[in-house]
Protein backbone atom coordinates (compact mmCIF):
# COMPACT_ATOMS: atom_id res chain seq x y z
CA ILE A 1 0.03 0.01 0.12
CA ASP A 2 1.33 3.34 -0.96
CA ILE A 3 -0.30 5.97 1.41
CA GLY A 4 0.85 9.06 -0.51
CA ASN A 5 0.24 8.11 -3.88
CA MET A 6 -3.44 6.93 -2.94
CA TYR A 7 -3.97 10.28 -1.25
CA GLY A 8 -4.11 12.27 -4.58
CA ALA A 9 -6.42 9.84 -6.11
CA GLY A 10 -8.85 10.10 -3.20
CA GLY A 11 -7.93 7.10 -1.34
CA ARG A 12 -7.30 6.99 2.28
CA ALA A 13 -4.92 4.55 3.90
CA LEU A 14 -6.86 4.44 7.32
CA ASP A 15 -9.97 3.42 5.44
CA LEU A 16 -8.46 0.70 3.80
CA LEU A 17 -6.50 -0.44 6.88
CA LYS A 18 -9.82 -0.75 8.78
CA LYS A 19 -11.65 -2.41 5.84
CA TYR A 20 -9.12 -5.03 4.97
CA PRO A 21 -7.07 -5.64 8.33
CA GLY A 22 -3.98 -8.15 7.92
CA ARG A 23 -3.70 -7.65 4.11
CA PHE A 24 -0.91 -5.11 3.93
CA GLU A 25 2.65 -6.69 4.37
CA SER A 26 4.34 -3.65 3.18
CA MET A 27 3.76 0.10 3.10
CA HIS A 28 5.40 3.06 1.17
CA VAL A 29 5.28 5.57 4.11
CA LYS A 30 4.93 9.04 2.64
CA ASP A 31 3.43 12.46 3.64
CA GLU A 32 1.86 14.88 1.15
CA ILE A 33 1.59 18.62 0.51
CA LYS A 34 -0.29 20.70 -1.92
CA ALA A 35 1.97 21.17 -4.90
CA LYS A 36 2.83 24.59 -6.23
CA ASP A 37 2.29 22.99 -9.88
CA LYS A 38 0.92 19.71 -11.17
CA GLY A 39 2.66 17.61 -8.53
CA GLU A 40 4.49 14.33 -8.75
CA MET A 41 1.68 12.44 -9.99
CA ASN A 42 -0.17 15.15 -11.77
CA ASP A 43 -2.56 15.13 -8.84
CA ASN A 44 -1.87 18.51 -7.39
CA TYR A 45 0.15 17.09 -4.29
CA GLU A 46 3.93 16.30 -3.77
CA SER A 47 5.76 14.63 -1.07
CA THR A 48 7.38 16.12 2.00
CA ILE A 49 9.02 15.22 5.44
CA LEU A 50 6.98 12.67 7.49
CA GLY A 51 4.85 14.39 10.00
CA LYS A 52 4.83 17.77 8.01
CA GLY A 53 2.10 17.22 5.54
CA LEU A 54 -1.47 16.63 5.43
CA LEU A 55 -1.74 12.82 6.12
CA PRO A 56 -2.12 11.49 9.60
CA VAL A 57 0.98 9.39 8.99
CA LYS A 58 1.73 8.27 12.66
CA GLU A 59 -1.98 7.08 12.99
CA ILE A 60 -1.75 5.23 9.63
CA VAL A 61 1.64 3.55 10.60
CA ASP A 62 0.53 2.61 14.07
CA LEU A 63 -2.60 0.97 12.66
CA ALA A 64 -0.65 -0.76 10.09
CA LYS A 65 1.62 -2.30 12.57
CA LYS A 66 -1.26 -3.16 14.94
CA ASN A 67 -3.73 -4.66 12.65
CA GLY A 68 -2.62 -4.22 9.05
CA GLY A 69 -0.20 -7.04 9.03
CA THR A 70 2.33 -4.62 8.07
CA THR A 71 6.05 -5.57 8.75
CA GLU A 72 7.98 -3.65 6.36
CA PHE A 73 7.70 0.27 6.38
CA ILE A 74 9.39 1.83 3.42
CA ILE A 75 10.10 5.52 3.71
CA GLU A 76 9.33 7.37 0.30
CA GLN A 77 9.77 10.92 -0.85
CA GLU A 78 10.29 12.48 -4.18
CA SER A 79 10.02 16.23 -3.46
CA TYR A 80 12.23 17.76 -1.28
CA GLN A 81 11.17 21.60 -0.80
CA GLY A 82 14.90 22.94 -1.11
CA LYS A 83 16.58 20.08 0.93
CA THR A 84 18.82 17.67 -0.42
CA PRO A 85 17.56 14.08 -0.64
CA LEU A 86 19.87 12.91 2.01
CA GLN A 87 18.74 15.71 4.40
CA SER A 88 15.06 14.72 3.80
CA CYS A 89 15.97 11.03 4.30
CA LYS A 90 17.51 11.77 7.72
CA GLU A 91 14.51 13.86 8.96
CA ASP A 92 12.23 11.27 7.60
CA LEU A 93 14.11 8.40 9.61
CA ALA A 94 14.37 10.59 12.64
CA MET A 95 10.71 11.10 12.48
CA MET A 96 10.08 7.19 12.14
CA LYS A 97 12.44 6.58 15.05
CA LYS A 98 10.36 9.07 17.06
CA TRP A 99 7.09 7.14 16.49
CA GLY A 100 8.80 4.02 17.69
CA PHE A 101 9.86 2.28 14.14
């Protein structure tokens, strides 16, 4: 399940995790903000540092760990808002660790 890409298309990860428990072995963990242009997927959104965007990412990963069947959490980010990819990766990883992952 890719929680960021589904957001721009109208999907909500929390809804799917609740409706289909135990079915999501891996998760692409991504937060989204409104894009200044068309966005990464032409959906007017782009990825950002975890916890800084529109998605309830902590709630999503907690539910996925608890009853989603999720064992693999893959941090994903394609837009960096003026930071380097490495800076963004460090911040994303720090947030996941703060959340207990």
